[in-house]
Amino acid sequence: MKLRCYLAKLCKAGQQLREMIDDAFPNRDRRSDGAAASPGHKAHSPKSDHNPDVAGIVRALDIDADLASDKSAAFDLADQLRLLARSDKRISYVIFNGKIASWKRNYKWRKYTGINPHKTHIHISFTKLGDNDRSMFRLPILTGEPINGKPKKSRSILGKKLSSSSTSDLSSGGVGLESNPNKLCCCRCTCNNPLAKS
């Protein structure tokens, strides 16, 4: 049997969200960003959305919590993502600052009991609906428009729609954590990865 070789690619919804966050916060810290799992994370968390599926699609994105000098920006972004997930079915769940919001309890924040409290980054997991849907995320912090409101004429100023030809090759750098073997796993867990020494 021949093994299929592929490069892990962040789902289109993840690419779009990252692009919009980069447009809104161009000088943000990216040290805790991540998408594709490191080998240690794959072994420690085999069901993680950071692990590519059989087609090589990654359905998770970590965004560093240091978006701006105002530290409340990360809390605002996480909360707006949580609220948007009620109507935007591309978002599966959000984890930040020791809390998780998912379809359970209609995306209300509840205590997160995983090993990593996600204080240095916001974790966003996507559903399969986000694999090929690169439409804009209607988040006030990124677009200046209400979550369920009418689009503004100025929406193109903050965040552009990705072209259909854009790709996100996680293994060639960018947010793929495998490109930096000295970095902790994408979720900064305390797994037994011998390379996780920072």
N, C-alpha and C. Protein backbone atom coordinates (compact mmCIF):
# COMPACT_ATOMS: atom_id res chain seq x y z
N MET A 1 0.84 -1.18 0.00
CA MET A 1 0.00 0.00 0.00
C MET A 1 0.88 1.24 0.00
N LYS A 2 0.55 2.18 -0.87
CA LYS A 2 1.30 3.41 -0.98
C LYS A 2 0.74 4.45 -0.01
N LEU A 3 1.59 5.09 0.76
CA LEU A 3 1.14 6.13 1.66
C LEU A 3 1.03 7.44 0.90
N ARG A 4 -0.06 8.15 1.14
CA ARG A 4 -0.26 9.43 0.48
C ARG A 4 0.49 10.51 1.24
N CYS A 5 1.26 11.29 0.51
CA CYS A 5 2.02 12.37 1.14
C CYS A 5 1.25 13.68 0.96
N TYR A 6 1.10 14.46 2.01
CA TYR A 6 0.41 15.73 1.90
C TYR A 6 1.05 16.74 2.84
N LEU A 7 0.80 18.00 2.58
CA LEU A 7 1.21 19.07 3.46
C LEU A 7 -0.02 19.53 4.22
N ALA A 8 0.11 19.69 5.50
CA ALA A 8 -1.03 20.13 6.31
C ALA A 8 -1.42 21.55 5.91
N LYS A 9 -2.72 21.78 5.79
CA LYS A 9 -3.23 23.09 5.44
C LYS A 9 -4.34 23.48 6.41
N LEU A 10 -4.25 24.71 6.89
CA LEU A 10 -5.29 25.25 7.74
C LEU A 10 -6.56 25.41 6.92
N CYS A 11 -7.70 25.06 7.50
CA CYS A 11 -8.98 25.19 6.79
C CYS A 11 -9.17 26.64 6.34
N LYS A 12 -9.99 26.83 5.33
CA LYS A 12 -10.18 28.16 4.74
C LYS A 12 -10.75 29.15 5.76
N ALA A 13 -11.65 28.69 6.63
CA ALA A 13 -12.20 29.59 7.66
C ALA A 13 -11.09 30.06 8.59
N GLY A 14 -10.18 29.17 8.94
CA GLY A 14 -9.04 29.54 9.79
C GLY A 14 -8.12 30.53 9.10
N GLN A 15 -7.87 30.31 7.82
CA GLN A 15 -7.05 31.25 7.05
C GLN A 15 -7.69 32.63 7.03
N GLN A 16 -9.00 32.66 6.80
CA GLN A 16 -9.71 33.94 6.73
C GLN A 16 -9.67 34.67 8.06
N LEU A 17 -9.94 33.95 9.15
CA LEU A 17 -9.94 34.58 10.47
C LEU A 17 -8.55 35.12 10.79
N ARG A 18 -7.52 34.34 10.53
CA ARG A 18 -6.15 34.80 10.80
C ARG A 18 -5.82 36.05 9.99
N GLU A 19 -6.22 36.08 8.73
CA GLU A 19 -5.99 37.24 7.87
C GLU A 19 -6.69 38.48 8.42
N MET A 20 -7.91 38.32 8.87
CA MET A 20 -8.66 39.45 9.42
C MET A 20 -8.03 39.96 10.72
N ILE A 21 -7.57 39.04 11.57
CA ILE A 21 -6.92 39.44 12.82
C ILE A 21 -5.61 40.15 12.51
N ASP A 22 -4.85 39.65 11.55
CA ASP A 22 -3.60 40.31 11.15
C ASP A 22 -3.85 41.70 10.59
N ASP A 23 -4.93 41.86 9.82
CA ASP A 23 -5.27 43.18 9.28
C ASP A 23 -5.66 44.16 10.38
N ALA A 24 -6.43 43.70 11.36
CA ALA A 24 -6.90 44.56 12.44
C ALA A 24 -5.80 44.86 13.46
N PHE A 25 -4.88 43.91 13.66
CA PHE A 25 -3.80 44.06 14.64
C PHE A 25 -2.45 43.74 13.97
N PRO A 26 -1.98 44.58 13.07
CA PRO A 26 -0.78 44.25 12.29
C PRO A 26 0.49 44.11 13.13
N ASN A 27 0.54 44.74 14.29
CA ASN A 27 1.74 44.68 15.13
C ASN A 27 1.60 43.71 16.30
N ARG A 28 0.65 42.84 16.22
CA ARG A 28 0.40 41.92 17.34
C ARG A 28 1.54 40.93 17.52
N ASP A 29 1.65 40.38 18.73
CA ASP A 29 2.62 39.33 19.03
C ASP A 29 2.12 38.03 18.41
N ARG A 30 3.00 37.28 17.77
CA ARG A 30 2.59 36.03 17.12
C ARG A 30 3.31 34.81 17.72
N ARG A 31 4.01 34.99 18.82
CA ARG A 31 4.80 33.89 19.37
C ARG A 31 3.97 32.70 19.83
N SER A 32 2.74 32.92 20.27
CA SER A 32 1.89 31.81 20.70
C SER A 32 0.90 31.39 19.63
N ASP A 33 1.07 31.90 18.40
CA ASP A 33 0.21 31.48 17.29
C ASP A 33 0.53 30.03 16.92
N GLY A 34 -0.41 29.35 16.38
CA GLY A 34 -0.17 27.99 15.91
C GLY A 34 -1.39 27.41 15.23
N ALA A 35 -1.14 26.36 14.47
CA ALA A 35 -2.24 25.65 13.81
C ALA A 35 -1.93 24.15 13.82
N ALA A 36 -0.96 23.72 13.03
CA ALA A 36 -0.65 22.28 12.95
C ALA A 36 0.08 21.82 14.21
N ALA A 37 -0.28 20.65 14.67
CA ALA A 37 0.29 20.09 15.89
C ALA A 37 1.74 19.65 15.68
N SER A 38 2.53 19.79 16.73
CA SER A 38 3.88 19.24 16.73
C SER A 38 3.77 17.73 16.93
N PRO A 39 4.84 16.98 16.67
CA PRO A 39 4.78 15.53 16.88
C PRO A 39 4.40 15.15 18.32
N GLY A 40 4.89 15.89 19.29
CA GLY A 40 4.57 15.59 20.69
C GLY A 40 3.10 15.81 21.00
N HIS A 41 2.55 16.85 20.42
CA HIS A 41 1.13 17.12 20.65
C HIS A 41 0.26 16.05 19.99
N LYS A 42 0.67 15.60 18.81
CA LYS A 42 -0.08 14.54 18.13
C LYS A 42 -0.15 13.28 18.99
N ALA A 43 0.98 12.95 19.61
CA ALA A 43 1.03 11.74 20.45
C ALA A 43 0.22 11.93 21.73
N HIS A 44 0.30 13.13 22.31
CA HIS A 44 -0.36 13.42 23.57
C HIS A 44 -1.87 13.62 23.41
N SER A 45 -2.28 14.22 22.28
CA SER A 45 -3.69 14.54 22.05
C SER A 45 -4.10 14.09 20.65
N PRO A 46 -4.31 12.80 20.44
CA PRO A 46 -4.60 12.31 19.10
C PRO A 46 -5.92 12.81 18.51
N LYS A 47 -6.86 13.28 19.34
CA LYS A 47 -8.14 13.76 18.82
C LYS A 47 -8.19 15.28 18.66
N SER A 48 -7.07 15.93 18.86
CA SER A 48 -7.01 17.39 18.77
C SER A 48 -7.32 17.88 17.36
N ASP A 49 -8.01 19.01 17.27
CA ASP A 49 -8.28 19.63 15.97
C ASP A 49 -7.01 20.21 15.35
N HIS A 50 -5.93 20.28 16.11
CA HIS A 50 -4.63 20.72 15.57
C HIS A 50 -4.00 19.64 14.70
N ASN A 51 -4.46 18.41 14.85
CA ASN A 51 -3.92 17.31 14.04
C ASN A 51 -4.61 17.31 12.68
N PRO A 52 -3.85 17.23 11.58
CA PRO A 52 -4.47 17.19 10.25
C PRO A 52 -5.32 15.93 10.08
N ASP A 53 -6.44 16.06 9.36
CA ASP A 53 -7.24 14.88 9.05
C ASP A 53 -6.59 14.13 7.89
N VAL A 54 -7.25 13.10 7.36
CA VAL A 54 -6.66 12.29 6.30
C VAL A 54 -6.39 13.08 5.02
N ALA A 55 -7.11 14.19 4.84
CA ALA A 55 -6.88 15.05 3.67
C ALA A 55 -5.85 16.14 3.96
N GLY A 56 -5.33 16.17 5.18
CA GLY A 56 -4.32 17.16 5.55
C GLY A 56 -4.89 18.48 6.04
N ILE A 57 -6.17 18.52 6.37
CA ILE A 57 -6.80 19.76 6.82
C ILE A 57 -6.74 19.88 8.33
N VAL A 58 -6.27 21.03 8.80
CA VAL A 58 -6.19 21.35 10.23
C VAL A 58 -7.37 22.26 10.56
N ARG A 59 -8.12 21.93 11.60
CA ARG A 59 -9.31 22.69 11.95
C ARG A 59 -9.17 23.40 13.30
N ALA A 60 -7.98 23.91 13.59
CA ALA A 60 -7.78 24.65 14.83
C ALA A 60 -6.75 25.75 14.60
N LEU A 61 -6.95 26.84 15.30
CA LEU A 61 -6.07 28.00 15.19
C LEU A 61 -5.84 28.57 16.57
N ASP A 62 -4.59 28.84 16.90
CA ASP A 62 -4.24 29.52 18.14
C ASP A 62 -3.78 30.93 17.77
N ILE A 63 -4.30 31.92 18.46
CA ILE A 63 -3.94 33.32 18.24
C ILE A 63 -3.38 33.87 19.54
N ASP A 64 -2.16 34.42 19.48
CA ASP A 64 -1.50 34.98 20.66
C ASP A 64 -2.41 36.00 21.33
N ALA A 65 -2.46 35.98 22.66
CA ALA A 65 -3.33 36.88 23.41
C ALA A 65 -2.84 38.32 23.42
N ASP A 66 -1.59 38.56 23.06
CA ASP A 66 -1.07 39.93 23.02
C ASP A 66 -1.39 40.55 21.67
N LEU A 67 -2.64 40.99 21.51
CA LEU A 67 -3.08 41.59 20.25
C LEU A 67 -2.67 43.06 20.17
N ALA A 68 -2.76 43.75 21.29
CA ALA A 68 -2.50 45.19 21.32
C ALA A 68 -2.02 45.57 22.72
N SER A 69 -1.64 46.84 22.88
CA SER A 69 -1.19 47.29 24.20
C SER A 69 -2.34 47.19 25.20
N ASP A 70 -3.56 47.32 24.74
CA ASP A 70 -4.73 47.15 25.59
C ASP A 70 -4.99 45.65 25.72
N LYS A 71 -4.72 45.09 26.86
CA LYS A 71 -4.83 43.64 27.07
C LYS A 71 -6.26 43.13 27.00
N SER A 72 -7.24 44.02 27.05
CA SER A 72 -8.63 43.58 26.99
C SER A 72 -9.02 43.14 25.57
N ALA A 73 -8.21 43.48 24.57
CA ALA A 73 -8.54 43.13 23.18
C ALA A 73 -8.72 41.62 23.01
N ALA A 74 -7.86 40.83 23.62
CA ALA A 74 -7.96 39.36 23.49
C ALA A 74 -9.26 38.86 24.12
N PHE A 75 -9.64 39.43 25.26
CA PHE A 75 -10.89 39.02 25.91
C PHE A 75 -12.08 39.40 25.02
N ASP A 76 -12.01 40.59 24.42
CA ASP A 76 -13.09 41.01 23.52
C ASP A 76 -13.19 40.10 22.31
N LEU A 77 -12.04 39.77 21.70
CA LEU A 77 -12.04 38.90 20.52
C LEU A 77 -12.60 37.52 20.87
N ALA A 78 -12.14 36.94 21.98
CA ALA A 78 -12.62 35.61 22.39
C ALA A 78 -14.13 35.63 22.64
N ASP A 79 -14.61 36.69 23.29
CA ASP A 79 -16.03 36.76 23.59
C ASP A 79 -16.86 36.97 22.32
N GLN A 80 -16.37 37.77 21.40
CA GLN A 80 -17.09 37.97 20.15
C GLN A 80 -17.10 36.69 19.31
N LEU A 81 -16.02 35.94 19.33
CA LEU A 81 -16.01 34.65 18.63
C LEU A 81 -17.03 33.70 19.24
N ARG A 82 -17.12 33.69 20.56
CA ARG A 82 -18.09 32.85 21.27
C ARG A 82 -19.52 33.20 20.86
N LEU A 83 -19.82 34.48 20.83
CA LEU A 83 -21.17 34.92 20.45
C LEU A 83 -21.47 34.62 18.99
N LEU A 84 -20.48 34.84 18.13
CA LEU A 84 -20.67 34.58 16.70
C LEU A 84 -20.91 33.10 16.42
N ALA A 85 -20.31 32.23 17.23
CA ALA A 85 -20.44 30.78 17.02
C ALA A 85 -21.88 30.30 17.11
N ARG A 86 -22.72 31.06 17.77
CA ARG A 86 -24.14 30.69 17.85
C ARG A 86 -24.81 30.72 16.48
N SER A 87 -24.32 31.60 15.59
CA SER A 87 -24.92 31.70 14.26
C SER A 87 -23.98 31.26 13.14
N ASP A 88 -22.68 31.39 13.34
CA ASP A 88 -21.70 30.99 12.32
C ASP A 88 -21.26 29.56 12.64
N LYS A 89 -21.81 28.62 11.92
CA LYS A 89 -21.59 27.20 12.22
C LYS A 89 -20.22 26.69 11.78
N ARG A 90 -19.35 27.58 11.31
CA ARG A 90 -17.97 27.18 11.01
C ARG A 90 -17.16 27.06 12.30
N ILE A 91 -17.58 27.76 13.35
CA ILE A 91 -16.86 27.76 14.62
C ILE A 91 -17.41 26.65 15.50
N SER A 92 -16.53 25.74 15.93
CA SER A 92 -16.93 24.63 16.77
C SER A 92 -16.90 25.01 18.25
N TYR A 93 -15.75 25.53 18.70
CA TYR A 93 -15.63 25.98 20.09
C TYR A 93 -14.45 26.94 20.23
N VAL A 94 -14.45 27.67 21.36
CA VAL A 94 -13.41 28.65 21.67
C VAL A 94 -12.93 28.38 23.08
N ILE A 95 -11.60 28.42 23.28
CA ILE A 95 -11.02 28.26 24.62
C ILE A 95 -10.11 29.46 24.88
N PHE A 96 -10.26 30.08 26.05
CA PHE A 96 -9.38 31.18 26.44
C PHE A 96 -9.48 31.43 27.94
N ASN A 97 -8.34 31.69 28.54
CA ASN A 97 -8.24 32.11 29.93
C ASN A 97 -8.98 31.18 30.90
N GLY A 98 -8.79 29.87 30.71
CA GLY A 98 -9.38 28.89 31.61
C GLY A 98 -10.85 28.63 31.39
N LYS A 99 -11.39 29.09 30.26
CA LYS A 99 -12.82 28.89 29.97
C LYS A 99 -13.00 28.37 28.55
N ILE A 100 -14.09 27.64 28.35
CA ILE A 100 -14.44 27.11 27.04
C ILE A 100 -15.90 27.45 26.75
N ALA A 101 -16.17 27.71 25.47
CA ALA A 101 -17.55 27.94 25.01
C ALA A 101 -17.78 27.04 23.81
N SER A 102 -18.81 26.22 23.87
CA SER A 102 -19.14 25.32 22.77
C SER A 102 -20.65 25.20 22.65
N TRP A 103 -21.11 24.33 21.75
CA TRP A 103 -22.54 24.12 21.57
C TRP A 103 -23.21 23.69 22.86
N LYS A 104 -22.46 23.04 23.75
CA LYS A 104 -23.03 22.71 25.07
C LYS A 104 -23.31 24.04 25.77
N ARG A 105 -24.46 24.19 26.31
CA ARG A 105 -24.89 25.41 27.00
C ARG A 105 -24.93 26.63 26.07
N ASN A 106 -25.15 26.38 24.79
CA ASN A 106 -25.34 27.45 23.81
C ASN A 106 -24.22 28.50 23.83
N TYR A 107 -23.01 28.04 23.86
CA TYR A 107 -21.83 28.89 23.78
C TYR A 107 -21.69 29.87 24.95
N LYS A 108 -22.14 29.46 26.12
CA LYS A 108 -21.87 30.24 27.33
C LYS A 108 -20.52 29.79 27.85
N TRP A 109 -19.76 30.70 28.42
CA TRP A 109 -18.46 30.35 28.99
C TRP A 109 -18.68 29.39 30.16
N ARG A 110 -17.83 28.39 30.25
CA ARG A 110 -17.80 27.50 31.40
C ARG A 110 -16.34 27.16 31.68
N LYS A 111 -16.07 26.61 32.84
CA LYS A 111 -14.70 26.30 33.23
C LYS A 111 -14.11 25.26 32.29
N TYR A 112 -12.86 25.50 31.87
CA TYR A 112 -12.14 24.55 31.04
C TYR A 112 -11.23 23.73 31.95
N THR A 113 -11.31 22.40 31.86
CA THR A 113 -10.57 21.54 32.78
C THR A 113 -9.38 20.84 32.14
N GLY A 114 -9.01 21.24 30.93
CA GLY A 114 -7.86 20.63 30.27
C GLY A 114 -6.56 21.01 30.96
N ILE A 115 -5.47 20.37 30.54
CA ILE A 115 -4.16 20.60 31.15
C ILE A 115 -3.71 22.05 30.97
N ASN A 116 -3.93 22.60 29.79
CA ASN A 116 -3.48 23.95 29.47
C ASN A 116 -4.65 24.92 29.60
N PRO A 117 -4.55 25.94 30.46
CA PRO A 117 -5.67 26.88 30.62
C PRO A 117 -5.83 27.88 29.48
N HIS A 118 -4.91 27.88 28.51
CA HIS A 118 -4.98 28.78 27.36
C HIS A 118 -5.02 30.24 27.79
N LYS A 119 -4.02 30.65 28.57
CA LYS A 119 -3.93 32.05 28.99
C LYS A 119 -3.06 32.88 28.06
N THR A 120 -2.17 32.22 27.30
CA THR A 120 -1.28 32.96 26.40
C THR A 120 -1.85 33.09 24.99
N HIS A 121 -2.91 32.36 24.71
CA HIS A 121 -3.50 32.40 23.37
C HIS A 121 -4.96 32.01 23.39
N ILE A 122 -5.65 32.41 22.33
CA ILE A 122 -7.05 32.03 22.12
C ILE A 122 -7.04 30.83 21.18
N HIS A 123 -7.75 29.78 21.55
CA HIS A 123 -7.87 28.60 20.69
C HIS A 123 -9.25 28.63 20.03
N ILE A 124 -9.26 28.49 18.71
CA ILE A 124 -10.51 28.42 17.96
C ILE A 124 -10.50 27.11 17.18
N SER A 125 -11.53 26.28 17.38
CA SER A 125 -11.69 25.07 16.57
C SER A 125 -12.83 25.30 15.60
N PHE A 126 -12.67 24.71 14.41
CA PHE A 126 -13.63 24.88 13.33
C PHE A 126 -14.31 23.55 13.01
N THR A 127 -15.48 23.64 12.42
CA THR A 127 -16.19 22.46 11.95
C THR A 127 -15.78 22.20 10.50
N LYS A 128 -16.25 21.11 9.93
CA LYS A 128 -15.96 20.81 8.53
C LYS A 128 -16.56 21.86 7.58
N LEU A 129 -17.55 22.60 8.05
CA LEU A 129 -18.13 23.66 7.23
C LEU A 129 -17.10 24.73 6.89
N GLY A 130 -16.06 24.84 7.71
CA GLY A 130 -15.02 25.83 7.48
C GLY A 130 -13.91 25.37 6.55
N ASP A 131 -13.97 24.13 6.11
CA ASP A 131 -12.90 23.62 5.24
C ASP A 131 -12.75 24.44 3.97
N ASN A 132 -13.86 24.83 3.35
CA ASN A 132 -13.81 25.56 2.09
C ASN A 132 -14.55 26.89 2.12
N ASP A 133 -15.04 27.30 3.28
CA ASP A 133 -15.80 28.55 3.39
C ASP A 133 -14.89 29.64 3.94
N ARG A 134 -14.49 30.55 3.07
CA ARG A 134 -13.60 31.62 3.47
C ARG A 134 -14.32 32.96 3.57
N SER A 135 -15.63 32.93 3.84
CA SER A 135 -16.36 34.19 3.97
C SER A 135 -15.92 34.94 5.22
N MET A 136 -16.19 36.24 5.23
CA MET A 136 -15.76 37.11 6.32
C MET A 136 -16.42 36.70 7.64
N PHE A 137 -15.69 36.90 8.72
CA PHE A 137 -16.24 36.71 10.06
C PHE A 137 -16.76 38.06 10.53
N ARG A 138 -18.02 38.12 10.90
CA ARG A 138 -18.64 39.38 11.28
C ARG A 138 -18.41 39.63 12.76
N LEU A 139 -17.22 40.14 13.05
CA LEU A 139 -16.81 40.42 14.41
C LEU A 139 -16.56 41.92 14.56
N PRO A 140 -17.26 42.61 15.45
CA PRO A 140 -17.09 44.05 15.59
C PRO A 140 -15.64 44.49 15.82
N ILE A 141 -14.89 43.72 16.58
CA ILE A 141 -13.50 44.09 16.87
C ILE A 141 -12.63 44.07 15.61
N LEU A 142 -13.06 43.31 14.60
CA LEU A 142 -12.28 43.20 13.36
C LEU A 142 -12.88 44.00 12.21
N THR A 143 -14.19 44.13 12.17
CA THR A 143 -14.84 44.78 11.03
C THR A 143 -15.53 46.08 11.37
N GLY A 144 -15.77 46.34 12.65
CA GLY A 144 -16.48 47.54 13.04
C GLY A 144 -17.98 47.46 12.85
N GLU A 145 -18.50 46.28 12.55
CA GLU A 145 -19.93 46.11 12.36
C GLU A 145 -20.47 45.12 13.38
N PRO A 146 -21.76 45.21 13.70
CA PRO A 146 -22.34 44.29 14.69
C PRO A 146 -22.36 42.85 14.18
N ILE A 147 -22.35 41.91 15.11
CA ILE A 147 -22.30 40.49 14.76
C ILE A 147 -23.46 40.10 13.86
N ASN A 148 -24.66 40.51 14.17
CA ASN A 148 -25.81 40.15 13.36
C ASN A 148 -26.42 41.34 12.63
N GLY A 149 -25.64 42.40 12.47
CA GLY A 149 -26.15 43.60 11.82
C GLY A 149 -25.94 43.59 10.31
N LYS A 150 -26.31 44.70 9.69
CA LYS A 150 -26.14 44.83 8.25
C LYS A 150 -24.70 45.19 7.94
N PRO A 151 -24.15 44.70 6.82
CA PRO A 151 -22.78 45.04 6.45
C PRO A 151 -22.60 46.54 6.24
N LYS A 152 -21.45 47.05 6.64
CA LYS A 152 -21.13 48.45 6.40
C LYS A 152 -20.39 48.59 5.09
N LYS A 153 -20.49 49.77 4.50
CA LYS A 153 -19.78 50.03 3.24
C LYS A 153 -18.27 49.98 3.46
N SER A 154 -17.81 50.30 4.68
CA SER A 154 -16.37 50.38 4.96
C SER A 154 -15.77 49.05 5.39
N ARG A 155 -16.50 47.94 5.27
CA ARG A 155 -16.00 46.67 5.80
C ARG A 155 -14.69 46.24 5.16
N SER A 156 -14.40 46.66 3.91
CA SER A 156 -13.17 46.24 3.25
C SER A 156 -11.94 46.89 3.87
N ILE A 157 -12.12 47.93 4.67
CA ILE A 157 -10.97 48.59 5.29
C ILE A 157 -10.30 47.67 6.31
N LEU A 158 -11.10 46.95 7.08
CA LEU A 158 -10.55 46.09 8.12
C LEU A 158 -10.77 44.63 7.76
N GLY A 159 -9.85 44.05 7.07
CA GLY A 159 -9.93 42.64 6.74
C GLY A 159 -10.44 42.44 5.33
N LYS A 160 -9.63 41.81 4.53
CA LYS A 160 -10.04 41.53 3.16
C LYS A 160 -10.38 40.06 3.03
N LYS A 161 -11.21 39.74 2.07
CA LYS A 161 -11.56 38.36 1.83
C LYS A 161 -10.41 37.69 1.10
N LEU A 162 -10.03 36.52 1.54
CA LEU A 162 -8.93 35.81 0.90
C LEU A 162 -9.34 35.37 -0.50
N SER A 163 -8.41 35.41 -1.41
CA SER A 163 -8.71 34.95 -2.76
C SER A 163 -8.81 33.43 -2.76
N SER A 164 -9.51 32.89 -3.74
CA SER A 164 -9.73 31.45 -3.78
C SER A 164 -8.44 30.69 -4.07
N SER A 165 -7.42 31.40 -4.55
CA SER A 165 -6.16 30.72 -4.86
C SER A 165 -5.20 30.70 -3.69
N SER A 166 -5.54 31.38 -2.59
CA SER A 166 -4.61 31.43 -1.46
C SER A 166 -4.56 30.10 -0.75
N THR A 167 -3.39 29.76 -0.26
CA THR A 167 -3.21 28.52 0.49
C THR A 167 -2.45 28.83 1.76
N SER A 168 -2.46 27.92 2.67
CA SER A 168 -1.71 28.06 3.91
C SER A 168 -0.96 26.76 4.14
N ASP A 169 0.26 26.71 3.64
CA ASP A 169 1.09 25.52 3.77
C ASP A 169 1.75 25.56 5.13
N LEU A 170 1.21 24.80 6.08
CA LEU A 170 1.68 24.87 7.45
C LEU A 170 3.07 24.29 7.64
N SER A 171 3.49 23.41 6.75
CA SER A 171 4.80 22.79 6.95
C SER A 171 5.95 23.66 6.46
N SER A 172 5.65 24.72 5.72
CA SER A 172 6.73 25.52 5.18
C SER A 172 6.96 26.80 5.96
N GLY A 173 6.55 26.85 7.18
CA GLY A 173 6.73 28.04 7.99
C GLY A 173 5.38 28.57 8.40
N GLY A 174 5.22 29.87 8.41
CA GLY A 174 3.94 30.46 8.77
C GLY A 174 3.55 30.03 10.17
N VAL A 175 2.34 29.55 10.34
CA VAL A 175 1.89 29.18 11.68
C VAL A 175 2.12 27.72 12.00
N GLY A 176 2.66 26.96 11.07
CA GLY A 176 2.89 25.54 11.34
C GLY A 176 3.96 25.36 12.39
N LEU A 177 3.61 24.78 13.50
CA LEU A 177 4.57 24.67 14.59
C LEU A 177 5.67 23.68 14.29
N GLU A 178 5.46 22.80 13.31
CA GLU A 178 6.51 21.86 12.99
C GLU A 178 7.70 22.57 12.36
N SER A 179 7.50 23.82 11.90
CA SER A 179 8.60 24.56 11.31
C SER A 179 9.58 25.04 12.37
N ASN A 180 9.20 25.00 13.64
CA ASN A 180 10.09 25.42 14.72
C ASN A 180 10.10 24.32 15.77
N PRO A 181 11.00 23.33 15.64
CA PRO A 181 10.99 22.19 16.55
C PRO A 181 11.33 22.52 17.99
N ASN A 182 11.86 23.72 18.27
CA ASN A 182 12.20 24.08 19.63
C ASN A 182 11.04 24.71 20.38
N LYS A 183 9.93 24.91 19.71
CA LYS A 183 8.77 25.52 20.33
C LYS A 183 7.89 24.45 20.97
N LEU A 184 7.15 24.86 22.00
CA LEU A 184 6.21 23.94 22.62
C LEU A 184 5.13 23.55 21.63
N CYS A 185 4.39 22.52 21.97
CA CYS A 185 3.27 22.09 21.14
C CYS A 185 2.34 23.27 20.91
N CYS A 186 1.52 23.14 19.89
CA CYS A 186 0.64 24.24 19.51
C CYS A 186 -0.24 24.70 20.67
N CYS A 187 -0.63 23.79 21.53
CA CYS A 187 -1.48 24.22 22.64
C CYS A 187 -0.64 24.48 23.89
N ARG A 188 0.68 24.49 23.73
CA ARG A 188 1.62 24.78 24.82
C ARG A 188 1.37 23.85 26.02
N CYS A 189 1.07 22.59 25.70
CA CYS A 189 0.77 21.63 26.75
C CYS A 189 2.07 21.16 27.41
N THR A 190 1.93 20.34 28.40
CA THR A 190 3.09 19.81 29.11
C THR A 190 3.29 18.35 28.74
N CYS A 191 3.20 18.06 27.45
CA CYS A 191 3.36 16.68 27.02
C CYS A 191 4.83 16.25 27.12
N ASN A 192 5.10 15.02 26.80
CA ASN A 192 6.45 14.47 26.92
C ASN A 192 7.30 14.70 25.68
N ASN A 193 6.96 15.69 24.89
CA ASN A 193 7.74 16.00 23.69
C ASN A 193 9.13 16.45 24.12
N PRO A 194 10.20 15.71 23.78
CA PRO A 194 11.54 16.10 24.20
C PRO A 194 11.98 17.42 23.58
N LEU A 195 11.32 17.86 22.49
CA LEU A 195 11.68 19.12 21.86
C LEU A 195 11.01 20.32 22.53
N ALA A 196 10.05 20.07 23.39
CA ALA A 196 9.32 21.17 24.03
C ALA A 196 10.10 21.67 25.24
N LYS A 197 11.08 22.53 25.00
CA LYS A 197 11.97 22.97 26.07
C LYS A 197 12.05 24.49 26.17
N SER A 198 11.01 25.23 25.83
CA SER A 198 11.14 26.69 25.92
C SER A 198 10.19 27.28 26.91
